[in-house]
Amino acid sequence: MSVLAAISGSGSGGTSSIIPFLAVSVVCGLLIGGVVMILLSRQGDVSRRVGGFISTSRARSQATRSLVERALGDKQARAIGRSPYWDKLRVELEVADVKLSLERLLGVVFIGMVFAGWLLERTTASYIGMLLGAVAVPVAARIGLKTAADRQRRRFSEQLPDNLQVVASAMRAGQTFVGSLSAVVDDAPEPSKRELRRAITDEALGVPLSEALGQVTERMNSTDFQQVSIVAGLQRDTGGNTAEVIDLVADVIRDRIELRRMVRALTAQGRLAGVVLSGLPVGLLLIISMINPGYTHPLFHTTAGLVSLSIGVVLTVIGSWLINKIVDIDV
């Protein structure tokens, strides 16, 4: 009891006054995380899982409809689902190999927005802080998703020369182009196995091979694999020694990969500087607001402080964008 009295009787500017608030915040975060994990661990029924691959004329019940459809109605939800932005997000989820549907990911982001906004509002005692916290969560989720997708695309490009070598060897052994791709799929690592299997499945369903490979090119954003789709179209139309052409393409791709690695090594310092300079102001502001809320109180409750905060946010975003443009060298 004496310890509790000492904690409750300390000044508002002291460090001990923030301990109960941090404890409550941690407990709330753990509870919210537990609820999210329970929701994510629930497996859909057979009709919902099969519905992702085939269409059915039977109307879905209220229990199987998504949260977006329940809130906006089926017509509005379908209109949103057909928008190019949501289609791009779904492709990014598939490429990044995230084991979440788009609807569940949006639900997790929404919960994170609510928690971050509540935490910063309690820390800064300002609605501006709540707004910044709510906006930071979807931005961080989008950046994380793009980073994971780019990592998978980079792995796909690095695996491409070895896969093309297997294709050329299989074609010299008498296999067709599609048969050679099937031989690659049997032993290829991810994400090459997943993407090439998709192309082979599309070809088996009647899609021209060059078009199926072109879809893989668009998904993986790979100019190297575009050459493979061109070779597939030429092999279908004119024939020729396709194995030798694939060997030449593999050599060119291997040289380009070496050049990309050298460029990434030379620009590593600039990329690290961009991350540090972008995250340092935000991290310091959060830490100081939690340790000593009175120190940052004028920044959120005065006109001069709000103007300075707005200018700082704009300059941080512009600086991060400029650094990324400088170090982003297309090879």
Protein backbone atom coordinates (compact mmCIF):
# COMPACT_ATOMS: atom_id res chain seq x y z
CA MET A 1 0.00 0.00 0.00
CA SER A 2 2.85 2.37 0.71
CA VAL A 3 4.32 1.68 -2.74
CA LEU A 4 1.00 2.42 -4.42
CA ALA A 5 0.62 5.59 -2.38
CA ALA A 6 4.09 6.69 -3.38
CA ILE A 7 3.36 6.07 -7.05
CA SER A 8 -0.01 7.81 -6.97
CA GLY A 9 1.39 10.73 -4.99
CA SER A 10 4.28 11.47 -7.35
CA GLY A 11 4.23 14.57 -9.59
CA SER A 12 2.63 14.56 -12.99
CA GLY A 13 5.91 15.41 -14.63
CA GLY A 14 7.80 12.51 -13.03
CA THR A 15 8.64 9.24 -14.67
CA SER A 16 6.69 7.15 -12.13
CA SER A 17 3.40 8.78 -13.10
CA ILE A 18 3.56 7.14 -16.50
CA ILE A 19 4.05 3.59 -15.16
CA PRO A 20 0.34 2.82 -14.49
CA PHE A 21 -0.60 4.20 -17.90
CA LEU A 22 2.05 2.09 -19.65
CA ALA A 23 0.91 -0.98 -17.74
CA VAL A 24 -2.71 -0.44 -18.82
CA SER A 25 -1.57 0.14 -22.40
CA VAL A 26 0.44 -3.09 -22.46
CA VAL A 27 -2.48 -5.08 -21.03
CA CYS A 28 -4.87 -3.59 -23.61
CA GLY A 29 -2.41 -4.38 -26.38
CA LEU A 30 -2.11 -7.99 -25.24
CA LEU A 31 -5.89 -8.36 -25.07
CA ILE A 32 -6.36 -6.90 -28.54
CA GLY A 33 -3.57 -9.10 -29.90
CA GLY A 34 -5.23 -12.16 -28.37
CA VAL A 35 -8.57 -11.30 -29.96
CA VAL A 36 -6.87 -10.80 -33.34
CA MET A 37 -5.07 -14.15 -33.11
CA ILE A 38 -8.34 -15.90 -32.23
CA LEU A 39 -10.05 -14.34 -35.22
CA LEU A 40 -7.20 -15.25 -37.55
CA SER A 41 -7.05 -18.82 -36.30
CA ARG A 42 -10.64 -19.48 -37.26
CA GLN A 43 -10.81 -21.50 -40.42
CA GLY A 44 -13.52 -20.84 -42.96
CA ASP A 45 -16.05 -23.49 -43.85
CA VAL A 46 -15.87 -25.54 -47.02
CA SER A 47 -18.20 -23.32 -49.07
CA ARG A 48 -16.22 -20.17 -48.32
CA ARG A 49 -12.89 -21.83 -49.12
CA VAL A 50 -14.19 -23.38 -52.34
CA GLY A 51 -15.83 -20.06 -53.25
CA GLY A 52 -12.39 -18.56 -53.74
CA PHE A 53 -11.84 -20.85 -56.75
CA ILE A 54 -15.31 -21.31 -58.26
CA SER A 55 -18.42 -19.18 -58.53
CA THR A 56 -21.75 -20.33 -57.18
CA SER A 57 -25.25 -19.05 -57.84
CA ARG A 58 -26.43 -19.82 -54.32
CA ALA A 59 -26.77 -16.65 -52.26
CA ARG A 60 -24.50 -16.52 -49.28
CA SER A 61 -25.99 -16.25 -45.86
CA GLN A 62 -25.45 -13.34 -43.51
CA ALA A 63 -22.94 -15.37 -41.52
CA THR A 64 -20.64 -15.98 -44.53
CA ARG A 65 -20.59 -12.41 -45.77
CA SER A 66 -17.57 -10.23 -45.08
CA LEU A 67 -17.56 -7.30 -42.71
CA VAL A 68 -17.31 -4.85 -45.62
CA GLU A 69 -20.39 -6.34 -47.29
CA ARG A 70 -22.39 -6.18 -44.07
CA ALA A 71 -21.45 -2.54 -43.46
CA LEU A 72 -21.84 -1.19 -47.01
CA GLY A 73 -24.20 -3.67 -48.61
CA ASP A 74 -23.49 -6.19 -51.34
CA LYS A 75 -23.70 -3.72 -54.24
CA GLN A 76 -21.30 -1.18 -52.76
CA ALA A 77 -18.93 -3.90 -51.56
CA ARG A 78 -18.78 -5.42 -55.06
CA ALA A 79 -18.09 -1.98 -56.54
CA ILE A 80 -15.21 -1.48 -54.12
CA GLY A 81 -13.90 -5.00 -54.74
CA ARG A 82 -13.73 -4.32 -58.50
CA SER A 83 -11.63 -1.17 -58.10
CA PRO A 84 -8.06 -1.39 -59.47
CA TYR A 85 -6.56 -0.38 -56.13
CA TRP A 86 -8.07 -3.35 -54.28
CA ASP A 87 -7.07 -5.68 -57.12
CA LYS A 88 -3.51 -4.40 -56.79
CA LEU A 89 -3.59 -4.97 -53.04
CA ARG A 90 -4.78 -8.56 -53.54
CA VAL A 91 -1.94 -9.17 -56.00
CA GLU A 92 0.54 -7.71 -53.52
CA LEU A 93 -0.80 -10.04 -50.81
CA GLU A 94 -0.40 -13.07 -53.07
CA VAL A 95 3.08 -12.08 -54.20
CA ALA A 96 4.20 -11.32 -50.62
CA ASP A 97 2.82 -14.74 -49.58
CA VAL A 98 0.81 -13.26 -46.72
CA LYS A 99 -1.49 -15.89 -45.19
CA LEU A 100 -4.36 -13.42 -44.80
CA SER A 101 -7.25 -12.40 -46.96
CA LEU A 102 -7.63 -8.73 -47.83
CA GLU A 103 -10.70 -8.40 -45.60
CA ARG A 104 -8.90 -9.84 -42.55
CA LEU A 105 -5.88 -7.65 -43.19
CA LEU A 106 -8.11 -4.58 -43.29
CA GLY A 107 -9.67 -5.68 -40.00
CA VAL A 108 -6.24 -6.03 -38.36
CA VAL A 109 -5.22 -2.59 -39.69
CA PHE A 110 -8.44 -1.07 -38.36
CA ILE A 111 -7.84 -2.52 -34.90
CA GLY A 112 -4.28 -1.20 -35.02
CA MET A 113 -5.54 2.26 -36.00
CA VAL A 114 -7.94 2.33 -33.05
CA PHE A 115 -5.30 1.18 -30.58
CA ALA A 116 -2.57 3.52 -31.88
CA GLY A 117 -4.95 6.48 -31.93
CA TRP A 118 -6.12 5.75 -28.38
CA LEU A 119 -2.54 5.29 -27.13
CA LEU A 120 -1.28 8.56 -28.62
CA GLU A 121 -4.38 10.44 -27.50
CA ARG A 122 -3.75 9.27 -23.92
CA THR A 123 -0.04 10.06 -24.22
CA THR A 124 -0.28 13.51 -25.83
CA ALA A 125 -3.76 14.48 -24.59
CA SER A 126 -4.42 15.81 -28.10
CA TYR A 127 -6.66 14.78 -30.99
CA ILE A 128 -3.82 15.67 -33.36
CA GLY A 129 -1.74 12.90 -31.81
CA MET A 130 -4.68 10.51 -32.14
CA LEU A 131 -4.98 11.41 -35.83
CA LEU A 132 -1.25 10.90 -36.43
CA GLY A 133 -1.36 7.51 -34.73
CA ALA A 134 -4.39 6.40 -36.73
CA VAL A 135 -2.78 7.48 -40.02
CA ALA A 136 0.59 5.91 -39.24
CA VAL A 137 -0.80 2.36 -38.96
CA PRO A 138 -2.14 1.94 -42.55
CA VAL A 139 0.92 3.72 -43.94
CA ALA A 140 3.23 1.35 -42.06
CA ALA A 141 1.13 -1.66 -43.18
CA ARG A 142 1.31 -0.54 -46.82
CA ILE A 143 5.07 -0.03 -46.64
CA GLY A 144 5.54 -3.40 -44.96
CA LEU A 145 3.41 -5.16 -47.59
CA LYS A 146 5.31 -3.51 -50.45
CA THR A 147 8.65 -4.41 -48.85
CA ALA A 148 7.65 -8.06 -48.48
CA ALA A 149 6.37 -8.21 -52.08
CA ASP A 150 9.56 -6.59 -53.42
CA ARG A 151 11.63 -9.12 -51.48
CA GLN A 152 9.74 -12.00 -53.13
CA ARG A 153 10.13 -10.39 -56.56
CA ARG A 154 13.87 -10.00 -56.00
CA ARG A 155 14.15 -13.66 -54.99
CA PHE A 156 12.24 -14.65 -58.13
CA SER A 157 14.67 -12.69 -60.33
CA GLU A 158 17.70 -14.21 -58.61
CA GLN A 159 16.33 -17.73 -59.08
CA LEU A 160 15.49 -17.17 -62.75
CA PRO A 161 18.91 -17.97 -64.38
CA ASP A 162 19.16 -21.37 -62.67
CA ASN A 163 15.57 -22.18 -63.61
CA LEU A 164 16.20 -21.23 -67.23
CA GLN A 165 19.27 -23.46 -67.24
CA VAL A 166 17.06 -26.39 -66.23
CA VAL A 167 14.56 -25.46 -68.98
CA ALA A 168 17.29 -25.43 -71.62
CA SER A 169 18.67 -28.80 -70.46
CA ALA A 170 15.20 -30.38 -70.48
CA MET A 171 14.52 -29.09 -74.01
CA ARG A 172 17.82 -30.56 -75.23
CA ALA A 173 16.67 -33.86 -73.74
CA GLY A 174 13.55 -33.76 -75.94
CA GLN A 175 10.98 -32.06 -73.71
CA THR A 176 8.60 -29.42 -74.98
CA PHE A 177 8.70 -25.89 -73.60
CA VAL A 178 5.73 -26.57 -71.30
CA GLY A 179 7.20 -29.89 -70.24
CA SER A 180 10.48 -28.17 -69.43
CA LEU A 181 8.67 -25.65 -67.24
CA SER A 182 6.93 -28.53 -65.47
CA ALA A 183 10.34 -30.06 -64.76
CA VAL A 184 11.43 -26.75 -63.21
CA VAL A 185 8.32 -26.60 -61.02
CA ASP A 186 9.10 -29.99 -59.49
CA ASP A 187 12.34 -28.80 -57.87
CA ALA A 188 12.20 -24.99 -57.94
CA PRO A 189 12.15 -23.05 -54.65
CA GLU A 190 9.56 -20.46 -53.75
CA PRO A 191 8.41 -18.10 -55.17
CA SER A 192 9.42 -19.54 -58.57
CA LYS A 193 7.49 -22.76 -57.98
CA ARG A 194 4.27 -20.90 -57.15
CA GLU A 195 4.42 -18.51 -60.09
CA LEU A 196 5.49 -21.05 -62.71
CA ARG A 197 2.83 -23.49 -61.52
CA ARG A 198 0.26 -20.76 -62.04
CA ALA A 199 1.46 -20.24 -65.61
CA ILE A 200 1.40 -23.98 -66.37
CA THR A 201 -2.12 -24.29 -64.92
CA ASP A 202 -3.34 -21.36 -67.05
CA GLU A 203 -1.81 -22.98 -70.15
CA ALA A 204 -3.54 -26.28 -69.35
CA LEU A 205 -6.86 -24.39 -69.12
CA GLY A 206 -6.44 -23.00 -72.64
CA VAL A 207 -4.56 -19.73 -72.10
CA PRO A 208 -1.71 -19.24 -74.63
CA LEU A 209 1.65 -19.89 -73.01
CA SER A 210 3.07 -16.48 -73.92
CA GLU A 211 0.05 -14.79 -72.33
CA ALA A 212 0.29 -16.95 -69.19
CA LEU A 213 3.98 -16.08 -68.84
CA GLY A 214 3.12 -12.43 -69.49
CA GLN A 215 0.79 -12.48 -66.47
CA VAL A 216 3.66 -13.80 -64.35
CA THR A 217 5.79 -10.95 -65.72
CA GLU A 218 3.21 -8.40 -64.58
CA ARG A 219 2.76 -9.97 -61.15
CA MET A 220 6.49 -10.20 -60.45
CA ASN A 221 7.29 -6.91 -62.24
CA SER A 222 10.25 -8.63 -63.90
CA THR A 223 11.68 -7.31 -67.14
CA ASP A 224 13.97 -10.36 -67.17
CA PHE A 225 11.09 -12.81 -67.26
CA GLN A 226 9.49 -10.77 -70.06
CA GLN A 227 12.25 -12.06 -72.33
CA VAL A 228 11.16 -15.61 -71.48
CA SER A 229 7.57 -14.88 -72.51
CA ILE A 230 8.86 -13.41 -75.79
CA VAL A 231 10.92 -16.55 -76.41
CA ALA A 232 7.83 -18.68 -75.73
CA GLY A 233 5.83 -16.71 -78.32
CA LEU A 234 8.60 -17.02 -80.91
CA GLN A 235 8.97 -20.73 -80.24
CA ARG A 236 5.25 -21.24 -80.85
CA ASP A 237 5.20 -19.16 -84.06
CA THR A 238 8.56 -19.84 -85.72
CA GLY A 239 10.27 -22.67 -83.85
CA GLY A 240 14.07 -22.75 -83.94
CA ASN A 241 16.75 -23.70 -81.45
CA THR A 242 14.91 -22.48 -78.36
CA ALA A 243 17.35 -24.09 -75.92
CA GLU A 244 20.25 -22.04 -77.25
CA VAL A 245 18.20 -18.84 -77.08
CA ILE A 246 17.23 -19.59 -73.47
CA ASP A 247 20.90 -20.11 -72.59
CA LEU A 248 21.70 -16.67 -74.02
CA VAL A 249 18.82 -15.11 -72.08
CA ALA A 250 20.01 -16.79 -68.87
CA ASP A 251 23.53 -15.39 -69.36
CA VAL A 252 22.17 -11.87 -69.92
CA ILE A 253 19.93 -12.12 -66.84
CA ARG A 254 22.85 -13.38 -64.74
CA ASP A 255 24.96 -10.38 -65.77
CA ARG A 256 22.12 -8.00 -64.93
CA ILE A 257 21.71 -9.60 -61.49
CA GLU A 258 25.41 -9.04 -60.77
CA LEU A 259 25.02 -5.41 -61.80
CA ARG A 260 21.96 -5.00 -59.55
CA ARG A 261 23.84 -6.46 -56.59
CA MET A 262 26.69 -4.02 -57.14
CA VAL A 263 24.25 -1.09 -57.32
CA ARG A 264 22.50 -2.19 -54.11
CA ALA A 265 25.84 -2.46 -52.34
CA LEU A 266 26.84 1.05 -53.46
CA THR A 267 23.49 2.54 -52.43
CA ALA A 268 23.16 0.68 -49.12
CA GLN A 269 24.41 3.66 -47.12
CA GLY A 270 21.89 5.98 -48.77
CA ARG A 271 19.01 3.60 -48.14
CA LEU A 272 19.99 3.19 -44.50
CA ALA A 273 20.28 6.98 -44.13
CA GLY A 274 16.76 7.35 -45.53
CA VAL A 275 15.35 4.90 -42.98
CA VAL A 276 17.16 6.53 -40.07
CA LEU A 277 16.33 10.11 -41.04
CA SER A 278 12.67 9.22 -41.60
CA GLY A 279 12.17 7.17 -38.44
CA LEU A 280 14.31 9.14 -35.98
CA PRO A 281 11.98 12.17 -35.58
CA VAL A 282 8.92 9.96 -35.15
CA GLY A 283 10.64 7.66 -32.68
CA LEU A 284 12.02 10.52 -30.59
CA LEU A 285 8.62 12.23 -30.51
CA LEU A 286 6.91 9.07 -29.24
CA ILE A 287 9.57 8.31 -26.64
CA ILE A 288 9.67 11.87 -25.28
CA SER A 289 5.85 12.02 -25.21
CA MET A 290 5.72 8.88 -23.07
CA ILE A 291 8.58 9.81 -20.73
CA ASN A 292 7.72 13.48 -20.24
CA PRO A 293 4.33 14.47 -21.72
CA GLY A 294 4.67 18.03 -20.45
CA TYR A 295 7.72 18.61 -22.64
CA THR A 296 5.80 17.98 -25.89
CA HIS A 297 2.53 19.53 -24.63
CA PRO A 298 3.07 22.88 -26.48
CA LEU A 299 3.70 21.01 -29.69
CA PHE A 300 0.14 19.64 -29.73
CA HIS A 301 -1.81 22.39 -27.96
CA THR A 302 -0.50 25.68 -29.36
CA THR A 303 -0.81 27.22 -32.79
CA ALA A 304 2.93 27.57 -33.22
CA GLY A 305 3.44 23.97 -32.15
CA LEU A 306 0.84 22.63 -34.59
CA VAL A 307 2.36 24.66 -37.44
CA SER A 308 5.84 23.37 -36.57
CA LEU A 309 4.54 19.81 -36.35
CA SER A 310 2.86 20.10 -39.77
CA ILE A 311 6.01 21.52 -41.35
CA GLY A 312 8.10 18.76 -39.79
CA VAL A 313 5.80 16.03 -41.11
CA VAL A 314 5.80 17.50 -44.63
CA LEU A 315 9.58 17.93 -44.70
CA THR A 316 10.13 14.40 -43.37
CA VAL A 317 7.90 12.90 -46.07
CA ILE A 318 9.53 14.97 -48.83
CA GLY A 319 13.03 14.11 -47.60
CA SER A 320 12.26 10.39 -47.45
CA TRP A 321 10.78 10.49 -50.96
CA LEU A 322 13.81 12.33 -52.37
CA ILE A 323 16.29 9.92 -50.76
CA ASN A 324 14.37 6.95 -52.15
CA LYS A 325 14.39 8.51 -55.61
CA ILE A 326 18.15 9.10 -55.43
CA VAL A 327 19.07 5.55 -54.38
CA ASP A 328 16.44 3.83 -56.57
CA ILE A 329 18.50 3.06 -59.68
CA ASP A 330 16.71 0.98 -62.30
CA VAL A 331 19.00 -1.61 -63.91
